Amino acid sequence: MSGTRSASKTAPRTRSLWRLGLLLYPFTAAAVAINLFLLGLLGQSVGLPALSPLQSLVWALPLGLPATWAVARWVQGLIARAEA
C-alpha cells in the first residue's frame, strides 16, 4: 500500500497556529512597517507629520501581532485546502 494515505486523523505539524505565527511574525511585522512608513508619506499630503523609518518599526511591533494572526489563519486555510 505504498503511496496511499494513512487512515489516522492526526494533524500535521503545520496546523499549529502558534508555530505558524512565530514563523511568519518577522515577515508580517516588516510588511506592516513598510505600509506604515508609506502611509506616513501619504499623510504628508494632508498636513500630517511624516513617520520616520524607526517610528514605523516601533509601531509595527505591536501592530504586527493581529496581522500575523490573520496571515497565519489564511495560510492555515490554504494548507487545509491543499491537503483535501
PDB file of N, CA and C in Angstrom:
ATOM      1  N   MET A   1       0.812  -1.192   0.000  1.00  0.00           N
ATOM      2  CA  MET A   1       0.000   0.000   0.000  1.00  0.00           C
ATOM      3  C   MET A   1       0.853   1.252   0.000  1.00  0.00           C
ATOM      4  N   SER A   2       1.939   1.256  -0.641  1.00  0.00           N
ATOM      5  CA  SER A   2       2.739   2.474  -0.669  1.00  0.00           C
ATOM      6  C   SER A   2       2.059   3.508  -1.537  1.00  0.00           C
ATOM      7  N   GLY A   3       2.168   4.749  -1.117  1.00  0.00           N
ATOM      8  CA  GLY A   3       1.564   5.834  -1.879  1.00  0.00           C
ATOM      9  C   GLY A   3       0.147   6.171  -1.467  1.00  0.00           C
ATOM     10  N   THR A   4      -0.419   5.429  -0.510  1.00  0.00           N
ATOM     11  CA  THR A   4      -1.769   5.759  -0.056  1.00  0.00           C
ATOM     12  C   THR A   4      -1.694   6.511   1.250  1.00  0.00           C
ATOM     13  N   ARG A   5      -2.730   7.199   1.542  1.00  0.00           N
ATOM     14  CA  ARG A   5      -2.775   7.987   2.773  1.00  0.00           C
ATOM     15  C   ARG A   5      -3.140   7.107   3.953  1.00  0.00           C
ATOM     16  N   SER A   6      -2.638   7.494   5.092  1.00  0.00           N
ATOM     17  CA  SER A   6      -2.952   6.788   6.317  1.00  0.00           C
ATOM     18  C   SER A   6      -4.374   7.115   6.756  1.00  0.00           C
ATOM     19  N   ALA A   7      -5.007   6.165   7.392  1.00  0.00           N
ATOM     20  CA  ALA A   7      -6.382   6.373   7.864  1.00  0.00           C
ATOM     21  C   ALA A   7      -6.430   7.197   9.139  1.00  0.00           C
ATOM     22  N   SER A   8      -5.298   7.399   9.784  1.00  0.00           N
ATOM     23  CA  SER A   8      -5.312   8.158  11.039  1.00  0.00           C
ATOM     24  C   SER A   8      -5.585   9.626  10.770  1.00  0.00           C
ATOM     25  N   LYS A   9      -6.218  10.255  11.725  1.00  0.00           N
ATOM     26  CA  LYS A   9      -6.609  11.656  11.570  1.00  0.00           C
ATOM     27  C   LYS A   9      -5.702  12.579  12.377  1.00  0.00           C
ATOM     28  N   THR A  10      -4.418  12.271  12.458  1.00  0.00           N
ATOM     29  CA  THR A  10      -3.511  13.140  13.203  1.00  0.00           C
ATOM     30  C   THR A  10      -3.227  14.391  12.402  1.00  0.00           C
ATOM     31  N   ALA A  11      -3.153  15.502  13.089  1.00  0.00           N
ATOM     32  CA  ALA A  11      -2.925  16.784  12.430  1.00  0.00           C
ATOM     33  C   ALA A  11      -1.435  16.953  12.138  1.00  0.00           C
ATOM     34  N   PRO A  12      -1.104  17.437  10.957  1.00  0.00           N
ATOM     35  CA  PRO A  12       0.302  17.695  10.666  1.00  0.00           C
ATOM     36  C   PRO A  12       0.848  18.821  11.536  1.00  0.00           C
ATOM     37  N   ARG A  13       2.161  18.943  11.590  1.00  0.00           N
ATOM     38  CA  ARG A  13       2.795  19.950  12.440  1.00  0.00           C
ATOM     39  C   ARG A  13       2.443  21.370  11.997  1.00  0.00           C
ATOM     40  N   THR A  14       2.125  21.575  10.736  1.00  0.00           N
ATOM     41  CA  THR A  14       1.845  22.916  10.247  1.00  0.00           C
ATOM     42  C   THR A  14       0.486  23.428  10.716  1.00  0.00           C
ATOM     43  N   ARG A  15      -0.314  22.585  11.337  1.00  0.00           N
ATOM     44  CA  ARG A  15      -1.633  23.029  11.782  1.00  0.00           C
ATOM     45  C   ARG A  15      -1.577  23.866  13.047  1.00  0.00           C
ATOM     46  N   SER A  16      -0.467  23.882  13.728  1.00  0.00           N
ATOM     47  CA  SER A  16      -0.352  24.678  14.943  1.00  0.00           C
ATOM     48  C   SER A  16      -0.286  26.157  14.567  1.00  0.00           C
ATOM     49  N   LEU A  17      -1.306  26.889  14.975  1.00  0.00           N
ATOM     50  CA  LEU A  17      -1.383  28.306  14.632  1.00  0.00           C
ATOM     51  C   LEU A  17      -0.279  29.100  15.317  1.00  0.00           C
ATOM     52  N   TRP A  18       0.125  28.688  16.520  1.00  0.00           N
ATOM     53  CA  TRP A  18       1.188  29.401  17.234  1.00  0.00           C
ATOM     54  C   TRP A  18       2.521  29.237  16.530  1.00  0.00           C
ATOM     55  N   ARG A  19       2.841  28.027  16.120  1.00  0.00           N
ATOM     56  CA  ARG A  19       4.105  27.812  15.414  1.00  0.00           C
ATOM     57  C   ARG A  19       4.134  28.555  14.097  1.00  0.00           C
ATOM     58  N   LEU A  20       3.056  28.485  13.379  1.00  0.00           N
ATOM     59  CA  LEU A  20       2.976  29.192  12.105  1.00  0.00           C
ATOM     60  C   LEU A  20       3.081  30.693  12.318  1.00  0.00           C
ATOM     61  N   GLY A  21       2.452  31.197  13.365  1.00  0.00           N
ATOM     62  CA  GLY A  21       2.531  32.619  13.681  1.00  0.00           C
ATOM     63  C   GLY A  21       3.937  33.061  14.037  1.00  0.00           C
ATOM     64  N   LEU A  22       4.641  32.240  14.813  1.00  0.00           N
ATOM     65  CA  LEU A  22       6.020  32.573  15.163  1.00  0.00           C
ATOM     66  C   LEU A  22       6.919  32.585  13.938  1.00  0.00           C
ATOM     67  N   LEU A  23       6.650  31.700  13.014  1.00  0.00           N
ATOM     68  CA  LEU A  23       7.429  31.646  11.788  1.00  0.00           C
ATOM     69  C   LEU A  23       7.153  32.856  10.895  1.00  0.00           C
ATOM     70  N   LEU A  24       5.905  33.296  10.852  1.00  0.00           N
ATOM     71  CA  LEU A  24       5.508  34.374   9.945  1.00  0.00           C
ATOM     72  C   LEU A  24       5.641  35.769  10.542  1.00  0.00           C
ATOM     73  N   TYR A  25       5.794  35.889  11.872  1.00  0.00           N
ATOM     74  CA  TYR A  25       5.803  37.204  12.514  1.00  0.00           C
ATOM     75  C   TYR A  25       6.858  38.165  11.962  1.00  0.00           C
ATOM     76  N   PRO A  26       8.110  37.760  11.776  1.00  0.00           N
ATOM     77  CA  PRO A  26       9.089  38.740  11.262  1.00  0.00           C
ATOM     78  C   PRO A  26       8.712  39.297   9.892  1.00  0.00           C
ATOM     79  N   PHE A  27       8.174  38.455   9.044  1.00  0.00           N
ATOM     80  CA  PHE A  27       7.809  38.899   7.700  1.00  0.00           C
ATOM     81  C   PHE A  27       6.561  39.794   7.729  1.00  0.00           C
ATOM     82  N   THR A  28       5.603  39.431   8.567  1.00  0.00           N
ATOM     83  CA  THR A  28       4.386  40.225   8.675  1.00  0.00           C
ATOM     84  C   THR A  28       4.659  41.572   9.328  1.00  0.00           C
ATOM     85  N   ALA A  29       5.471  41.585  10.369  1.00  0.00           N
ATOM     86  CA  ALA A  29       5.802  42.850  11.029  1.00  0.00           C
ATOM     87  C   ALA A  29       6.589  43.762  10.089  1.00  0.00           C
ATOM     88  N   ALA A  30       7.465  43.193   9.275  1.00  0.00           N
ATOM     89  CA  ALA A  30       8.192  44.002   8.297  1.00  0.00           C
ATOM     90  C   ALA A  30       7.241  44.594   7.256  1.00  0.00           C
ATOM     91  N   ALA A  31       6.261  43.812   6.822  1.00  0.00           N
ATOM     92  CA  ALA A  31       5.283  44.332   5.864  1.00  0.00           C
ATOM     93  C   ALA A  31       4.441  45.443   6.487  1.00  0.00           C
ATOM     94  N   VAL A  32       4.083  45.292   7.757  1.00  0.00           N
ATOM     95  CA  VAL A  32       3.327  46.334   8.457  1.00  0.00           C
ATOM     96  C   VAL A  32       4.175  47.600   8.574  1.00  0.00           C
ATOM     97  N   ALA A  33       5.471  47.453   8.869  1.00  0.00           N
ATOM     98  CA  ALA A  33       6.352  48.620   8.997  1.00  0.00           C
ATOM     99  C   ALA A  33       6.467  49.366   7.671  1.00  0.00           C
ATOM    100  N   ILE A  34       6.596  48.636   6.588  1.00  0.00           N
ATOM    101  CA  ILE A  34       6.680  49.279   5.270  1.00  0.00           C
ATOM    102  C   ILE A  34       5.391  50.023   4.958  1.00  0.00           C
ATOM    103  N   ASN A  35       4.255  49.389   5.244  1.00  0.00           N
ATOM    104  CA  ASN A  35       2.972  50.042   4.971  1.00  0.00           C
ATOM    105  C   ASN A  35       2.764  51.267   5.847  1.00  0.00           C
ATOM    106  N   LEU A  36       3.188  51.197   7.113  1.00  0.00           N
ATOM    107  CA  LEU A  36       3.078  52.370   7.980  1.00  0.00           C
ATOM    108  C   LEU A  36       3.952  53.519   7.473  1.00  0.00           C
ATOM    109  N   PHE A  37       5.164  53.204   7.045  1.00  0.00           N
ATOM    110  CA  PHE A  37       6.061  54.235   6.530  1.00  0.00           C
ATOM    111  C   PHE A  37       5.461  54.899   5.291  1.00  0.00           C
ATOM    112  N   LEU A  38       4.921  54.096   4.382  1.00  0.00           N
ATOM    113  CA  LEU A  38       4.308  54.659   3.175  1.00  0.00           C
ATOM    114  C   LEU A  38       3.041  55.436   3.509  1.00  0.00           C
ATOM    115  N   LEU A  39       2.299  54.984   4.507  1.00  0.00           N
ATOM    116  CA  LEU A  39       1.116  55.732   4.955  1.00  0.00           C
ATOM    117  C   LEU A  39       1.521  57.071   5.541  1.00  0.00           C
ATOM    118  N   GLY A  40       2.662  57.093   6.251  1.00  0.00           N
ATOM    119  CA  GLY A  40       3.179  58.354   6.781  1.00  0.00           C
ATOM    120  C   GLY A  40       3.582  59.316   5.672  1.00  0.00           C
ATOM    121  N   LEU A  41       4.134  58.767   4.600  1.00  0.00           N
ATOM    122  CA  LEU A  41       4.472  59.624   3.460  1.00  0.00           C
ATOM    123  C   LEU A  41       3.224  60.189   2.800  1.00  0.00           C
ATOM    124  N   LEU A  42       2.199  59.368   2.695  1.00  0.00           N
ATOM    125  CA  LEU A  42       0.939  59.851   2.134  1.00  0.00           C
ATOM    126  C   LEU A  42       0.275  60.876   3.043  1.00  0.00           C
ATOM    127  N   GLY A  43       0.455  60.708   4.345  1.00  0.00           N
ATOM    128  CA  GLY A  43      -0.134  61.648   5.300  1.00  0.00           C
ATOM    129  C   GLY A  43       0.443  63.044   5.190  1.00  0.00           C
ATOM    130  N   GLN A  44       1.642  63.168   4.657  1.00  0.00           N
ATOM    131  CA  GLN A  44       2.232  64.495   4.467  1.00  0.00           C
ATOM    132  C   GLN A  44       1.429  65.334   3.481  1.00  0.00           C
ATOM    133  N   SER A  45       0.746  64.676   2.569  1.00  0.00           N
ATOM    134  CA  SER A  45      -0.016  65.436   1.579  1.00  0.00           C
ATOM    135  C   SER A  45      -1.233  66.129   2.195  1.00  0.00           C
ATOM    136  N   VAL A  46      -1.669  65.661   3.359  1.00  0.00           N
ATOM    137  CA  VAL A  46      -2.798  66.308   4.037  1.00  0.00           C
ATOM    138  C   VAL A  46      -2.359  67.044   5.289  1.00  0.00           C
ATOM    139  N   GLY A  47      -1.047  67.229   5.445  1.00  0.00           N
ATOM    140  CA  GLY A  47      -0.537  68.044   6.531  1.00  0.00           C
ATOM    141  C   GLY A  47      -0.136  67.305   7.790  1.00  0.00           C
ATOM    142  N   LEU A  48      -0.146  65.987   7.773  1.00  0.00           N
ATOM    143  CA  LEU A  48       0.285  65.230   8.951  1.00  0.00           C
ATOM    144  C   LEU A  48       1.806  65.140   8.977  1.00  0.00           C
ATOM    145  N   PRO A  49       2.394  64.981  10.154  1.00  0.00           N
ATOM    146  CA  PRO A  49       3.856  64.817  10.199  1.00  0.00           C
ATOM    147  C   PRO A  49       4.256  63.440   9.655  1.00  0.00           C
ATOM    148  N   ALA A  50       5.430  63.376   9.066  1.00  0.00           N
ATOM    149  CA  ALA A  50       5.917  62.127   8.488  1.00  0.00           C
ATOM    150  C   ALA A  50       6.364  61.160   9.577  1.00  0.00           C
ATOM    151  N   LEU A  51       6.241  59.886   9.312  1.00  0.00           N
ATOM    152  CA  LEU A  51       6.759  58.853  10.207  1.00  0.00           C
ATOM    153  C   LEU A  51       8.162  58.487   9.748  1.00  0.00           C
ATOM    154  N   SER A  52       9.091  58.462  10.676  1.00  0.00           N
ATOM    155  CA  SER A  52      10.441  58.037  10.320  1.00  0.00           C
ATOM    156  C   SER A  52      10.446  56.512  10.193  1.00  0.00           C
ATOM    157  N   PRO A  53      11.455  55.962   9.531  1.00  0.00           N
ATOM    158  CA  PRO A  53      11.530  54.501   9.453  1.00  0.00           C
ATOM    159  C   PRO A  53      11.615  53.834  10.824  1.00  0.00           C
ATOM    160  N   LEU A  54      12.308  54.465  11.772  1.00  0.00           N
ATOM    161  CA  LEU A  54      12.401  53.901  13.113  1.00  0.00           C
ATOM    162  C   LEU A  54      11.045  53.916  13.821  1.00  0.00           C
ATOM    163  N   GLN A  55      10.300  55.005  13.680  1.00  0.00           N
ATOM    164  CA  GLN A  55       8.963  55.065  14.274  1.00  0.00           C
ATOM    165  C   GLN A  55       8.049  54.003  13.651  1.00  0.00           C
ATOM    166  N   SER A  56       8.186  53.802  12.358  1.00  0.00           N
ATOM    167  CA  SER A  56       7.382  52.776  11.693  1.00  0.00           C
ATOM    168  C   SER A  56       7.701  51.388  12.230  1.00  0.00           C
ATOM    169  N   LEU A  57       8.984  51.121  12.457  1.00  0.00           N
ATOM    170  CA  LEU A  57       9.375  49.819  13.015  1.00  0.00           C
ATOM    171  C   LEU A  57       8.846  49.632  14.429  1.00  0.00           C
ATOM    172  N   VAL A  58       8.912  50.689  15.239  1.00  0.00           N
ATOM    173  CA  VAL A  58       8.431  50.590  16.614  1.00  0.00           C
ATOM    174  C   VAL A  58       6.921  50.350  16.644  1.00  0.00           C
ATOM    175  N   TRP A  59       6.183  51.059  15.808  1.00  0.00           N
ATOM    176  CA  TRP A  59       4.733  50.865  15.749  1.00  0.00           C
ATOM    177  C   TRP A  59       4.363  49.514  15.158  1.00  0.00           C
ATOM    178  N   ALA A  60       5.224  48.968  14.287  1.00  0.00           N
ATOM    179  CA  ALA A  60       4.917  47.694  13.641  1.00  0.00           C
ATOM    180  C   ALA A  60       5.044  46.513  14.603  1.00  0.00           C
ATOM    181  N   LEU A  61       5.819  46.651  15.675  1.00  0.00           N
ATOM    182  CA  LEU A  61       5.976  45.535  16.612  1.00  0.00           C
ATOM    183  C   LEU A  61       4.643  45.117  17.238  1.00  0.00           C
ATOM    184  N   PRO A  62       3.867  46.024  17.835  1.00  0.00           N
ATOM    185  CA  PRO A  62       2.576  45.569  18.377  1.00  0.00           C
ATOM    186  C   PRO A  62       1.508  45.380  17.297  1.00  0.00           C
ATOM    187  N   LEU A  63       1.542  46.190  16.242  1.00  0.00           N
ATOM    188  CA  LEU A  63       0.530  46.062  15.200  1.00  0.00           C
ATOM    189  C   LEU A  63       0.755  44.836  14.324  1.00  0.00           C
ATOM    190  N   GLY A  64       1.943  44.261  14.396  1.00  0.00           N
ATOM    191  CA  GLY A  64       2.219  43.050  13.637  1.00  0.00           C
ATOM    192  C   GLY A  64       1.543  41.820  14.214  1.00  0.00           C
ATOM    193  N   LEU A  65       1.173  41.857  15.481  1.00  0.00           N
ATOM    194  CA  LEU A  65       0.540  40.686  16.110  1.00  0.00           C
ATOM    195  C   LEU A  65      -0.824  40.347  15.510  1.00  0.00           C
ATOM    196  N   PRO A  66      -1.767  41.296  15.406  1.00  0.00           N
ATOM    197  CA  PRO A  66      -3.039  40.918  14.786  1.00  0.00           C
ATOM    198  C   PRO A  66      -2.889  40.614  13.288  1.00  0.00           C
ATOM    199  N   ALA A  67      -1.955  41.285  12.642  1.00  0.00           N
ATOM    200  CA  ALA A  67      -1.720  40.994  11.229  1.00  0.00           C
ATOM    201  C   ALA A  67      -1.151  39.589  11.057  1.00  0.00           C
ATOM    202  N   THR A  68      -0.271  39.179  11.974  1.00  0.00           N
ATOM    203  CA  THR A  68       0.296  37.832  11.921  1.00  0.00           C
ATOM    204  C   THR A  68      -0.779  36.787  12.169  1.00  0.00           C
ATOM    205  N   TRP A  69      -1.683  37.071  13.102  1.00  0.00           N
ATOM    206  CA  TRP A  69      -2.782  36.138  13.357  1.00  0.00           C
ATOM    207  C   TRP A  69      -3.613  35.949  12.098  1.00  0.00           C
ATOM    208  N   ALA A  70      -3.925  37.046  11.402  1.00  0.00           N
ATOM    209  CA  ALA A  70      -4.733  36.954  10.183  1.00  0.00           C
ATOM    210  C   ALA A  70      -3.990  36.196   9.085  1.00  0.00           C
ATOM    211  N   VAL A  71      -2.703  36.457   8.935  1.00  0.00           N
ATOM    212  CA  VAL A  71      -1.923  35.765   7.911  1.00  0.00           C
ATOM    213  C   VAL A  71      -1.798  34.284   8.249  1.00  0.00           C
ATOM    214  N   ALA A  72      -1.596  33.949   9.509  1.00  0.00           N
ATOM    215  CA  ALA A  72      -1.478  32.546   9.907  1.00  0.00           C
ATOM    216  C   ALA A  72      -2.787  31.799   9.657  1.00  0.00           C
ATOM    217  N   ARG A  73      -3.904  32.445   9.943  1.00  0.00           N
ATOM    218  CA  ARG A  73      -5.206  31.821   9.654  1.00  0.00           C
ATOM    219  C   ARG A  73      -5.388  31.604   8.158  1.00  0.00           C
ATOM    220  N   TRP A  74      -4.960  32.580   7.353  1.00  0.00           N
ATOM    221  CA  TRP A  74      -5.075  32.472   5.909  1.00  0.00           C
ATOM    222  C   TRP A  74      -4.210  31.324   5.383  1.00  0.00           C
ATOM    223  N   VAL A  75      -2.959  31.254   5.846  1.00  0.00           N
ATOM    224  CA  VAL A  75      -2.059  30.187   5.407  1.00  0.00           C
ATOM    225  C   VAL A  75      -2.569  28.832   5.889  1.00  0.00           C
ATOM    226  N   GLN A  76      -3.111  28.782   7.085  1.00  0.00           N
ATOM    227  CA  GLN A  76      -3.677  27.534   7.602  1.00  0.00           C
ATOM    228  C   GLN A  76      -4.822  27.060   6.707  1.00  0.00           C
ATOM    229  N   GLY A  77      -5.639  27.982   6.236  1.00  0.00           N
ATOM    230  CA  GLY A  77      -6.713  27.618   5.306  1.00  0.00           C
ATOM    231  C   GLY A  77      -6.184  27.126   3.983  1.00  0.00           C
ATOM    232  N   LEU A  78      -5.111  27.748   3.488  1.00  0.00           N
ATOM    233  CA  LEU A  78      -4.503  27.294   2.240  1.00  0.00           C
ATOM    234  C   LEU A  78      -3.924  25.893   2.381  1.00  0.00           C
ATOM    235  N   ILE A  79      -3.299  25.611   3.537  1.00  0.00           N
ATOM    236  CA  ILE A  79      -2.745  24.286   3.779  1.00  0.00           C
ATOM    237  C   ILE A  79      -3.859  23.249   3.855  1.00  0.00           C
ATOM    238  N   ALA A  80      -4.942  23.586   4.533  1.00  0.00           N
ATOM    239  CA  ALA A  80      -6.067  22.661   4.649  1.00  0.00           C
ATOM    240  C   ALA A  80      -6.684  22.373   3.287  1.00  0.00           C
ATOM    241  N   ARG A  81      -6.766  23.408   2.446  1.00  0.00           N
ATOM    242  CA  ARG A  81      -7.328  23.208   1.113  1.00  0.00           C
ATOM    243  C   ARG A  81      -6.399  22.357   0.255  1.00  0.00           C
ATOM    244  N   ALA A  82      -5.092  22.527   0.425  1.00  0.00           N
ATOM    245  CA  ALA A  82      -4.134  21.731  -0.353  1.00  0.00           C
ATOM    246  C   ALA A  82      -4.123  20.279   0.082  1.00  0.00           C
ATOM    247  N   GLU A  83      -4.378  20.032   1.371  1.00  0.00           N
ATOM    248  CA  GLU A  83      -4.402  18.651   1.856  1.00  0.00           C
ATOM    249  C   GLU A  83      -5.690  17.912   1.491  1.00  0.00           C
ATOM    250  N   ALA A  84      -6.732  18.635   1.209  1.00  0.00           N
ATOM    251  CA  ALA A  84      -8.027  17.981   0.886  1.00  0.00           C
ATOM    252  C   ALA A  84      -8.051  17.442  -0.527  1.00  0.00           C
TER     253      ALA A  84
END
